[in-house]
C-alpha atoms as a PDB file:
ATOM      1  CA  MET A   1      -2.211  15.374   3.993  1.00  0.00           C
ATOM      2  CA  LEU A   2       0.457  13.428   5.872  1.00  0.00           C
ATOM      3  CA  LEU A   3       0.965   9.671   5.670  1.00  0.00           C
ATOM      4  CA  SER A   4       0.415   9.552   9.430  1.00  0.00           C
ATOM      5  CA  ASP A   5      -3.190  10.590   8.633  1.00  0.00           C
ATOM      6  CA  ILE A   6      -3.557   7.561   6.354  1.00  0.00           C
ATOM      7  CA  ILE A   7      -1.664   4.682   7.924  1.00  0.00           C
ATOM      8  CA  ASP A   8      -1.639   3.318  11.433  1.00  0.00           C
ATOM      9  CA  ILE A   9       0.856   0.931  12.989  1.00  0.00           C
ATOM     10  CA  ASN A  10      -1.961  -1.641  13.242  1.00  0.00           C
ATOM     11  CA  ARG A  11      -2.265  -1.643   9.454  1.00  0.00           C
ATOM     12  CA  ILE A  12       1.357  -2.687   8.877  1.00  0.00           C
ATOM     13  CA  SER A  13       2.360  -6.302   8.404  1.00  0.00           C
ATOM     14  CA  ARG A  14       5.972  -7.414   7.979  1.00  0.00           C
ATOM     15  CA  ASP A  15       7.327 -10.874   7.234  1.00  0.00           C
ATOM     16  CA  THR A  16       4.123 -11.764   5.402  1.00  0.00           C
ATOM     17  CA  ASP A  17       3.904 -15.042   3.530  1.00  0.00           C
ATOM     18  CA  VAL A  18       1.703 -14.837   0.442  1.00  0.00           C
ATOM     19  CA  LEU A  19       2.357 -16.452  -2.893  1.00  0.00           C
ATOM     20  CA  SER A  20       0.088 -14.515  -5.260  1.00  0.00           C
ATOM     21  CA  LYS A  21      -1.191 -11.071  -6.149  1.00  0.00           C
ATOM     22  CA  LYS A  22      -4.718 -12.120  -5.180  1.00  0.00           C
ATOM     23  CA  ARG A  23      -3.639 -13.274  -1.728  1.00  0.00           C
ATOM     24  CA  ALA A  24      -1.605 -10.068  -1.172  1.00  0.00           C
ATOM     25  CA  LEU A  25      -4.671  -7.956  -2.025  1.00  0.00           C
ATOM     26  CA  GLU A  26      -6.805 -10.058   0.352  1.00  0.00           C
ATOM     27  CA  GLU A  27      -4.263  -9.486   3.128  1.00  0.00           C
ATOM     28  CA  LEU A  28      -4.242  -5.729   2.482  1.00  0.00           C
ATOM     29  CA  SER A  29      -8.054  -5.623   2.463  1.00  0.00           C
ATOM     30  CA  GLN A  30      -8.131  -7.335   5.855  1.00  0.00           C
ATOM     31  CA  LEU A  31      -5.534  -4.933   7.259  1.00  0.00           C
ATOM     32  CA  ILE A  32      -7.448  -1.871   6.058  1.00  0.00           C
ATOM     33  CA  THR A  33     -10.618  -3.017   7.826  1.00  0.00           C
ATOM     34  CA  LYS A  34      -8.789  -3.993  11.009  1.00  0.00           C
ATOM     35  CA  ASP A  35      -9.709  -0.706  12.715  1.00  0.00           C
ATOM     36  CA  GLN A  36     -12.140   0.705  10.140  1.00  0.00           C
ATOM     37  CA  THR A  37     -15.354  -1.074  11.109  1.00  0.00           C
ATOM     38  CA  GLN A  38     -17.494   0.851   8.602  1.00  0.00           C
ATOM     39  CA  LEU A  39     -15.542  -0.755   5.749  1.00  0.00           C
ATOM     40  CA  ASP A  40     -15.986  -4.229   4.319  1.00  0.00           C
ATOM     41  CA  ALA A  41     -12.888  -6.282   3.443  1.00  0.00           C
ATOM     42  CA  SER A  42     -14.575  -8.039   0.519  1.00  0.00           C
ATOM     43  CA  GLY A  43     -15.683  -4.699  -0.951  1.00  0.00           C
ATOM     44  CA  ILE A  44     -12.147  -3.345  -0.654  1.00  0.00           C
ATOM     45  CA  PHE A  45     -10.726  -6.502  -2.227  1.00  0.00           C
ATOM     46  CA  ASP A  46     -13.203  -6.240  -5.131  1.00  0.00           C
ATOM     47  CA  SER A  47     -12.204  -2.614  -5.694  1.00  0.00           C
ATOM     48  CA  LEU A  48      -8.474  -3.404  -5.595  1.00  0.00           C
ATOM     49  CA  ILE A  49      -8.907  -6.327  -8.013  1.00  0.00           C
ATOM     50  CA  SER A  50     -11.007  -4.181 -10.364  1.00  0.00           C
ATOM     51  CA  ARG A  51      -8.277  -1.546 -10.403  1.00  0.00           C
ATOM     52  CA  GLU A  52      -5.614  -4.168 -11.132  1.00  0.00           C
ATOM     53  CA  ARG A  53      -7.630  -5.335 -14.165  1.00  0.00           C
ATOM     54  CA  LEU A  54      -7.182  -1.843 -15.624  1.00  0.00           C
ATOM     55  CA  GLY A  55      -3.401  -2.188 -15.315  1.00  0.00           C
ATOM     56  CA  SER A  56      -0.936  -3.294 -12.706  1.00  0.00           C
ATOM     57  CA  THR A  57      -0.165  -0.969  -9.818  1.00  0.00           C
ATOM     58  CA  GLY A  58       3.318  -2.493  -9.621  1.00  0.00           C
ATOM     59  CA  VAL A  59       5.425   0.659 -10.009  1.00  0.00           C
ATOM     60  CA  GLY A  60       8.862  -0.962 -10.119  1.00  0.00           C
ATOM     61  CA  TYR A  61      11.699  -1.600  -7.671  1.00  0.00           C
ATOM     62  CA  GLY A  62       9.644  -4.351  -5.992  1.00  0.00           C
ATOM     63  CA  ILE A  63       6.862  -1.918  -5.038  1.00  0.00           C
ATOM     64  CA  ALA A  64       3.109  -1.924  -5.716  1.00  0.00           C
ATOM     65  CA  ILE A  65       0.570   0.715  -4.745  1.00  0.00           C
ATOM     66  CA  PRO A  66      -2.841  -0.921  -5.158  1.00  0.00           C
ATOM     67  CA  HIS A  67      -5.730   1.468  -4.657  1.00  0.00           C
ATOM     68  CA  GLY A  68      -9.447   1.632  -5.153  1.00  0.00           C
ATOM     69  CA  ARG A  69     -12.485   3.812  -4.604  1.00  0.00           C
ATOM     70  CA  ILE A  70     -14.686   2.497  -1.822  1.00  0.00           C
ATOM     71  CA  LYS A  71     -18.331   3.138  -0.878  1.00  0.00           C
ATOM     72  CA  ASN A  72     -18.864   4.201   2.757  1.00  0.00           C
ATOM     73  CA  CYS A  73     -15.212   5.233   3.033  1.00  0.00           C
ATOM     74  CA  ASN A  74     -14.991   8.681   4.620  1.00  0.00           C
ATOM     75  CA  LYS A  75     -11.210   9.151   4.500  1.00  0.00           C
ATOM     76  CA  ILE A  76      -8.237   7.754   2.626  1.00  0.00           C
ATOM     77  CA  THR A  77      -7.002   4.729   4.559  1.00  0.00           C
ATOM     78  CA  GLY A  78      -3.773   2.861   3.917  1.00  0.00           C
ATOM     79  CA  ALA A  79      -2.131  -0.438   4.771  1.00  0.00           C
ATOM     80  CA  PHE A  80       1.395  -1.697   4.164  1.00  0.00           C
ATOM     81  CA  ILE A  81       2.746  -5.229   3.845  1.00  0.00           C
ATOM     82  CA  GLN A  82       6.268  -6.455   3.360  1.00  0.00           C
ATOM     83  CA  LEU A  83       6.509  -9.953   1.921  1.00  0.00           C
ATOM     84  CA  ASN A  84       9.093 -12.539   2.817  1.00  0.00           C
ATOM     85  CA  GLN A  85       9.367 -13.405  -0.861  1.00  0.00           C
ATOM     86  CA  GLY A  86       8.563 -11.292  -3.908  1.00  0.00           C
ATOM     87  CA  ILE A  87       5.534 -12.215  -6.025  1.00  0.00           C
ATOM     88  CA  ASP A  88       4.627 -11.685  -9.663  1.00  0.00           C
ATOM     89  CA  PHE A  89       2.579  -8.494  -9.826  1.00  0.00           C
ATOM     90  CA  ASP A  90       2.913  -7.646 -13.537  1.00  0.00           C
ATOM     91  CA  ALA A  91       5.021  -4.654 -12.480  1.00  0.00           C
ATOM     92  CA  ILE A  92       6.253  -2.220 -15.128  1.00  0.00           C
ATOM     93  CA  ASP A  93       9.849  -3.449 -14.663  1.00  0.00           C
ATOM     94  CA  ASN A  94       8.776  -7.142 -14.572  1.00  0.00           C
ATOM     95  CA  GLN A  95      10.429  -7.520 -11.149  1.00  0.00           C
ATOM     96  CA  PRO A  96       8.734  -9.393  -8.278  1.00  0.00           C
ATOM     97  CA  VAL A  97       6.952  -7.202  -5.724  1.00  0.00           C
ATOM     98  CA  ASP A  98       7.816  -7.530  -2.041  1.00  0.00           C
ATOM     99  CA  MET A  99       6.382  -4.292  -0.602  1.00  0.00           C
ATOM    100  CA  LEU A 100       2.803  -3.096  -1.095  1.00  0.00           C
ATOM    101  CA  PHE A 101       1.114   0.063   0.137  1.00  0.00           C
ATOM    102  CA  ALA A 102      -2.647  -0.105  -0.452  1.00  0.00           C
ATOM    103  CA  LEU A 103      -5.145   2.745  -0.357  1.00  0.00           C
ATOM    104  CA  ALA A 104      -8.888   2.665   0.197  1.00  0.00           C
ATOM    105  CA  VAL A 105     -10.162   5.964  -1.180  1.00  0.00           C
ATOM    106  CA  PRO A 106     -13.571   7.647  -0.788  1.00  0.00           C
ATOM    107  CA  GLU A 107     -15.554   7.584  -4.042  1.00  0.00           C
ATOM    108  CA  GLU A 108     -15.591  11.389  -4.339  1.00  0.00           C
ATOM    109  CA  SER A 109     -11.902  11.924  -3.531  1.00  0.00           C
ATOM    110  CA  THR A 110      -9.832  12.998  -6.537  1.00  0.00           C
ATOM    111  CA  ASP A 111      -7.168  15.633  -5.866  1.00  0.00           C
ATOM    112  CA  GLU A 112      -6.237  14.246  -2.461  1.00  0.00           C
ATOM    113  CA  HIS A 113      -6.037  10.721  -3.914  1.00  0.00           C
ATOM    114  CA  LEU A 114      -3.695  11.861  -6.683  1.00  0.00           C
ATOM    115  CA  GLN A 115      -1.525  13.816  -4.232  1.00  0.00           C
ATOM    116  CA  ILE A 116      -1.107  10.739  -2.017  1.00  0.00           C
ATOM    117  CA  LEU A 117      -0.249   8.549  -5.020  1.00  0.00           C
ATOM    118  CA  ALA A 118       2.359  11.117  -6.103  1.00  0.00           C
ATOM    119  CA  LEU A 119       3.825  11.219  -2.585  1.00  0.00           C
ATOM    120  CA  LEU A 120       4.026   7.420  -2.433  1.00  0.00           C
ATOM    121  CA  ALA A 121       5.603   7.253  -5.897  1.00  0.00           C
ATOM    122  CA  SER A 122       8.274   9.777  -4.840  1.00  0.00           C
ATOM    123  CA  MET A 123       8.879   7.953  -1.590  1.00  0.00           C
ATOM    124  CA  PHE A 124       9.287   4.543  -3.190  1.00  0.00           C
ATOM    125  CA  ASN A 125      11.461   5.981  -5.949  1.00  0.00           C
ATOM    126  CA  ASP A 126      14.041   6.833  -3.251  1.00  0.00           C
ATOM    127  CA  GLU A 127      16.570   3.954  -3.346  1.00  0.00           C
ATOM    128  CA  ASN A 128      17.930   4.671   0.134  1.00  0.00           C
ATOM    129  CA  PHE A 129      14.410   4.724   1.575  1.00  0.00           C
ATOM    130  CA  ARG A 130      13.541   1.384  -0.056  1.00  0.00           C
ATOM    131  CA  LYS A 131      16.691  -0.145   1.418  1.00  0.00           C
ATOM    132  CA  GLN A 132      15.901   1.184   4.905  1.00  0.00           C
ATOM    133  CA  LEU A 133      12.339  -0.085   4.669  1.00  0.00           C
ATOM    134  CA  ARG A 134      13.424  -3.558   3.560  1.00  0.00           C
ATOM    135  CA  ASN A 135      15.929  -3.686   6.424  1.00  0.00           C
ATOM    136  CA  SER A 136      13.560  -2.445   9.131  1.00  0.00           C
ATOM    137  CA  LYS A 137      13.209  -4.824  12.043  1.00  0.00           C
ATOM    138  CA  SER A 138       9.769  -4.001  13.462  1.00  0.00           C
ATOM    139  CA  ASN A 139       6.349  -2.569  12.624  1.00  0.00           C
ATOM    140  CA  GLU A 140       7.263   0.436  14.746  1.00  0.00           C
ATOM    141  CA  GLU A 141      10.394   1.127  12.703  1.00  0.00           C
ATOM    142  CA  THR A 142       8.478   0.612   9.453  1.00  0.00           C
ATOM    143  CA  TYR A 143       5.781   3.028  10.616  1.00  0.00           C
ATOM    144  CA  ARG A 144       8.389   5.610  11.590  1.00  0.00           C
ATOM    145  CA  LEU A 145      10.118   5.317   8.201  1.00  0.00           C
ATOM    146  CA  LEU A 146       6.824   5.653   6.318  1.00  0.00           C
ATOM    147  CA  THR A 147       5.540   8.622   8.298  1.00  0.00           C
ATOM    148  CA  GLU A 148       8.806  10.571   8.672  1.00  0.00           C
ATOM    149  CA  TRP A 149      10.087  10.296   5.091  1.00  0.00           C
ATOM    150  CA  LYS A 150      11.161  13.604   3.566  1.00  0.00           C
ATOM    151  CA  LYS A 151      11.815  14.115  -0.119  1.00  0.00           C
ATOM    152  CA  PRO A 152      15.592  14.239  -0.743  1.00  0.00           C
ATOM    153  CA  ASP A 153      16.967  17.599  -1.860  1.00  0.00           C
END
C-alpha cells in the first residue's frame, strides 16, 4: 500500500495552532472525517485517546503517529498536521512534537496496519526528510513529500 492511498491533500494541515495533545488529536480526528462521511470524528478521537493511554505514540524527533482501530472504517485513512509550536506528547525522547501523522484503521486490519506504521517510522527516521517536511511551504509540497518519499539506500 502506498501513502497516496491513505492520505489526501485535504487531510493535511500546516501552520496549526494547538497547545495540547488532546487538541492535536481532536484536530486530526476532524481532518480524517473531512472527506470520509461514514466516519465519526468523536469516535476517531476516542480511539486515538484510548491508544495514547496505552503508551505515547510520540516516536521521537518531534514526530507522533497516533493511530486507532475504528468501527465502520473500510480502509486505512490518514491525516497530517504540522504545528507552529511543539507540544508535550510524552514522546520517547521527551522532545516536543510538532508533526503528527494519524491513522484511522479498520478493526480487522492487522498486517496492513503494521506495514504502514513501519513505513511511517522509516520515513520519519530520515533526518533529511524531516527537515524538508518542516521547511515545506504549502499543503501541496507537504503532500508531495509524504507520497513520494523513498527509503534512502
